[in-house]
């Protein structure tokens, strides 16, 4: 019986090179005065997009001012690409009780 080594080798080489070459994307919805999901776990290099689904403006401010959006009206969005592993908290400056977190795995 012959073993099929080439497909497994191709997968191993792709993973060793840092994974597939396409960019990952993830979404957070702003709705009912909250971020959904409230905690998002992504891989390093992921572009996260927040979209406002509420009828009032919101914005997104990263702790330490790593990122900051303008006020987002209904259906407006803001994106940020997380290049480094770590835990990143953020909030709505217009409604400071609204908080969320993005956890970036290596």
C-alpha atoms as a PDB file:
ATOM      1  CA  UNK A   1       0.000   0.000   0.000  1.00  0.00           C
ATOM      2  CA  UNK A   2       1.417   3.397  -1.028  1.00  0.00           C
ATOM      3  CA  UNK A   3       1.249   6.333   1.358  1.00  0.00           C
ATOM      4  CA  UNK A   4       0.249   9.760   0.125  1.00  0.00           C
ATOM      5  CA  UNK A   5       2.958  11.975   1.562  1.00  0.00           C
ATOM      6  CA  UNK A   6       2.726  15.013  -0.718  1.00  0.00           C
ATOM      7  CA  UNK A   7      -0.579  16.478   0.579  1.00  0.00           C
ATOM      8  CA  UNK A   8       0.568  16.138   4.186  1.00  0.00           C
ATOM      9  CA  UNK A   9       3.934  17.664   3.297  1.00  0.00           C
ATOM     10  CA  UNK A  10       2.234  20.612   1.573  1.00  0.00           C
ATOM     11  CA  UNK A  11       0.102  21.272   4.657  1.00  0.00           C
ATOM     12  CA  UNK A  12       3.132  21.031   6.947  1.00  0.00           C
ATOM     13  CA  UNK A  13       5.128  23.447   4.790  1.00  0.00           C
ATOM     14  CA  UNK A  14       2.225  25.923   4.666  1.00  0.00           C
ATOM     15  CA  UNK A  15       1.888  25.860   8.454  1.00  0.00           C
ATOM     16  CA  UNK A  16       5.646  26.156   8.970  1.00  0.00           C
ATOM     17  CA  UNK A  17       5.705  29.218   6.710  1.00  0.00           C
ATOM     18  CA  UNK A  18       3.228  31.013   8.953  1.00  0.00           C
ATOM     19  CA  UNK A  19      -0.022  29.684   7.573  1.00  0.00           C
ATOM     20  CA  UNK A  20      -1.959  30.528   4.440  1.00  0.00           C
ATOM     21  CA  UNK A  21      -1.141  33.782   2.676  1.00  0.00           C
ATOM     22  CA  UNK A  22      -4.679  35.213   2.710  1.00  0.00           C
ATOM     23  CA  UNK A  23      -5.610  37.800   5.311  1.00  0.00           C
ATOM     24  CA  UNK A  24      -8.059  36.794   8.013  1.00  0.00           C
ATOM     25  CA  UNK A  25     -11.034  39.012   8.788  1.00  0.00           C
ATOM     26  CA  UNK A  26     -13.462  39.117  11.701  1.00  0.00           C
ATOM     27  CA  UNK A  27     -16.508  41.221  12.554  1.00  0.00           C
ATOM     28  CA  UNK A  28     -17.959  42.824  15.668  1.00  0.00           C
ATOM     29  CA  UNK A  29     -21.470  44.264  15.634  1.00  0.00           C
ATOM     30  CA  UNK A  30     -22.424  47.261  17.742  1.00  0.00           C
ATOM     31  CA  UNK A  31     -26.034  46.693  18.753  1.00  0.00           C
ATOM     32  CA  UNK A  32     -28.278  47.507  21.709  1.00  0.00           C
ATOM     33  CA  UNK A  33     -25.475  49.439  23.432  1.00  0.00           C
ATOM     34  CA  UNK A  34     -23.062  46.510  23.304  1.00  0.00           C
ATOM     35  CA  UNK A  35     -20.332  44.843  21.260  1.00  0.00           C
ATOM     36  CA  UNK A  36     -21.228  41.424  19.865  1.00  0.00           C
ATOM     37  CA  UNK A  37     -19.283  39.293  20.447  1.00  0.00           C
ATOM     38  CA  UNK A  38     -18.035  40.971  23.595  1.00  0.00           C
ATOM     39  CA  UNK A  39     -14.781  38.983  23.511  1.00  0.00           C
ATOM     40  CA  UNK A  40     -13.344  38.067  20.125  1.00  0.00           C
ATOM     41  CA  UNK A  41     -10.396  35.669  19.735  1.00  0.00           C
ATOM     42  CA  UNK A  42      -8.418  35.987  16.485  1.00  0.00           C
ATOM     43  CA  UNK A  43      -5.047  35.103  15.013  1.00  0.00           C
ATOM     44  CA  UNK A  44      -2.241  37.623  14.612  1.00  0.00           C
ATOM     45  CA  UNK A  45      -2.699  39.661  11.425  1.00  0.00           C
ATOM     46  CA  UNK A  46      -6.506  39.581  11.519  1.00  0.00           C
ATOM     47  CA  UNK A  47      -8.442  42.624  10.344  1.00  0.00           C
ATOM     48  CA  UNK A  48     -11.346  43.292  12.725  1.00  0.00           C
ATOM     49  CA  UNK A  49     -14.269  45.416  11.529  1.00  0.00           C
ATOM     50  CA  UNK A  50     -16.797  46.998  13.903  1.00  0.00           C
ATOM     51  CA  UNK A  51     -20.170  47.938  12.346  1.00  0.00           C
ATOM     52  CA  UNK A  52     -22.736  50.120  14.087  1.00  0.00           C
ATOM     53  CA  UNK A  53     -26.227  48.601  13.933  1.00  0.00           C
ATOM     54  CA  UNK A  54     -27.695  50.977  16.541  1.00  0.00           C
ATOM     55  CA  UNK A  55     -29.742  54.065  15.711  1.00  0.00           C
ATOM     56  CA  UNK A  56     -27.315  56.332  17.567  1.00  0.00           C
ATOM     57  CA  UNK A  57     -23.587  57.067  17.044  1.00  0.00           C
ATOM     58  CA  UNK A  58     -20.861  55.031  18.740  1.00  0.00           C
ATOM     59  CA  UNK A  59     -17.083  54.974  18.447  1.00  0.00           C
ATOM     60  CA  UNK A  60     -14.299  52.538  19.292  1.00  0.00           C
ATOM     61  CA  UNK A  61     -11.266  53.499  21.375  1.00  0.00           C
ATOM     62  CA  UNK A  62      -8.513  51.018  22.150  1.00  0.00           C
ATOM     63  CA  UNK A  63      -6.930  51.125  25.601  1.00  0.00           C
ATOM     64  CA  UNK A  64      -3.728  53.122  25.362  1.00  0.00           C
ATOM     65  CA  UNK A  65      -5.103  54.809  22.222  1.00  0.00           C
ATOM     66  CA  UNK A  66      -3.746  52.019  19.986  1.00  0.00           C
ATOM     67  CA  UNK A  67      -6.729  52.626  17.702  1.00  0.00           C
ATOM     68  CA  UNK A  68      -9.597  55.105  17.636  1.00  0.00           C
ATOM     69  CA  UNK A  69     -12.520  55.546  15.295  1.00  0.00           C
ATOM     70  CA  UNK A  70     -14.543  58.618  14.525  1.00  0.00           C
ATOM     71  CA  UNK A  71     -18.184  58.574  15.607  1.00  0.00           C
ATOM     72  CA  UNK A  72     -19.929  55.868  13.596  1.00  0.00           C
ATOM     73  CA  UNK A  73     -23.476  56.506  12.453  1.00  0.00           C
ATOM     74  CA  UNK A  74     -25.876  53.640  11.704  1.00  0.00           C
ATOM     75  CA  UNK A  75     -24.301  51.170   9.220  1.00  0.00           C
ATOM     76  CA  UNK A  76     -20.884  52.896   9.395  1.00  0.00           C
ATOM     77  CA  UNK A  77     -17.854  50.737  10.124  1.00  0.00           C
ATOM     78  CA  UNK A  78     -14.275  50.953  11.352  1.00  0.00           C
ATOM     79  CA  UNK A  79     -11.460  48.431  10.848  1.00  0.00           C
ATOM     80  CA  UNK A  80      -8.149  47.739  12.561  1.00  0.00           C
ATOM     81  CA  UNK A  81      -5.600  45.017  11.824  1.00  0.00           C
ATOM     82  CA  UNK A  82      -4.069  43.374  14.903  1.00  0.00           C
ATOM     83  CA  UNK A  83      -0.411  42.687  14.079  1.00  0.00           C
ATOM     84  CA  UNK A  84       0.769  41.609  17.555  1.00  0.00           C
ATOM     85  CA  UNK A  85      -0.382  38.896  19.936  1.00  0.00           C
ATOM     86  CA  UNK A  86      -1.973  40.066  23.165  1.00  0.00           C
ATOM     87  CA  UNK A  87      -5.199  41.128  24.828  1.00  0.00           C
ATOM     88  CA  UNK A  88      -6.695  44.433  23.680  1.00  0.00           C
ATOM     89  CA  UNK A  89      -9.540  46.098  25.545  1.00  0.00           C
ATOM     90  CA  UNK A  90     -11.625  48.817  23.948  1.00  0.00           C
ATOM     91  CA  UNK A  91     -14.688  50.936  24.730  1.00  0.00           C
ATOM     92  CA  UNK A  92     -17.127  53.449  23.270  1.00  0.00           C
ATOM     93  CA  UNK A  93     -16.009  56.902  24.363  1.00  0.00           C
ATOM     94  CA  UNK A  94     -19.561  58.197  23.890  1.00  0.00           C
ATOM     95  CA  UNK A  95     -20.940  55.445  26.168  1.00  0.00           C
ATOM     96  CA  UNK A  96     -18.047  54.331  28.442  1.00  0.00           C
ATOM     97  CA  UNK A  97     -20.048  51.444  29.943  1.00  0.00           C
ATOM     98  CA  UNK A  98     -19.753  49.747  26.540  1.00  0.00           C
ATOM     99  CA  UNK A  99     -16.562  47.679  26.634  1.00  0.00           C
ATOM    100  CA  UNK A 100     -15.099  44.763  24.724  1.00  0.00           C
ATOM    101  CA  UNK A 101     -11.918  42.791  24.195  1.00  0.00           C
ATOM    102  CA  UNK A 102      -9.979  41.340  21.277  1.00  0.00           C
ATOM    103  CA  UNK A 103      -7.588  38.505  22.164  1.00  0.00           C
ATOM    104  CA  UNK A 104      -4.928  37.965  19.513  1.00  0.00           C
ATOM    105  CA  UNK A 105      -3.214  34.573  19.446  1.00  0.00           C
ATOM    106  CA  UNK A 106       0.287  34.227  17.959  1.00  0.00           C
END
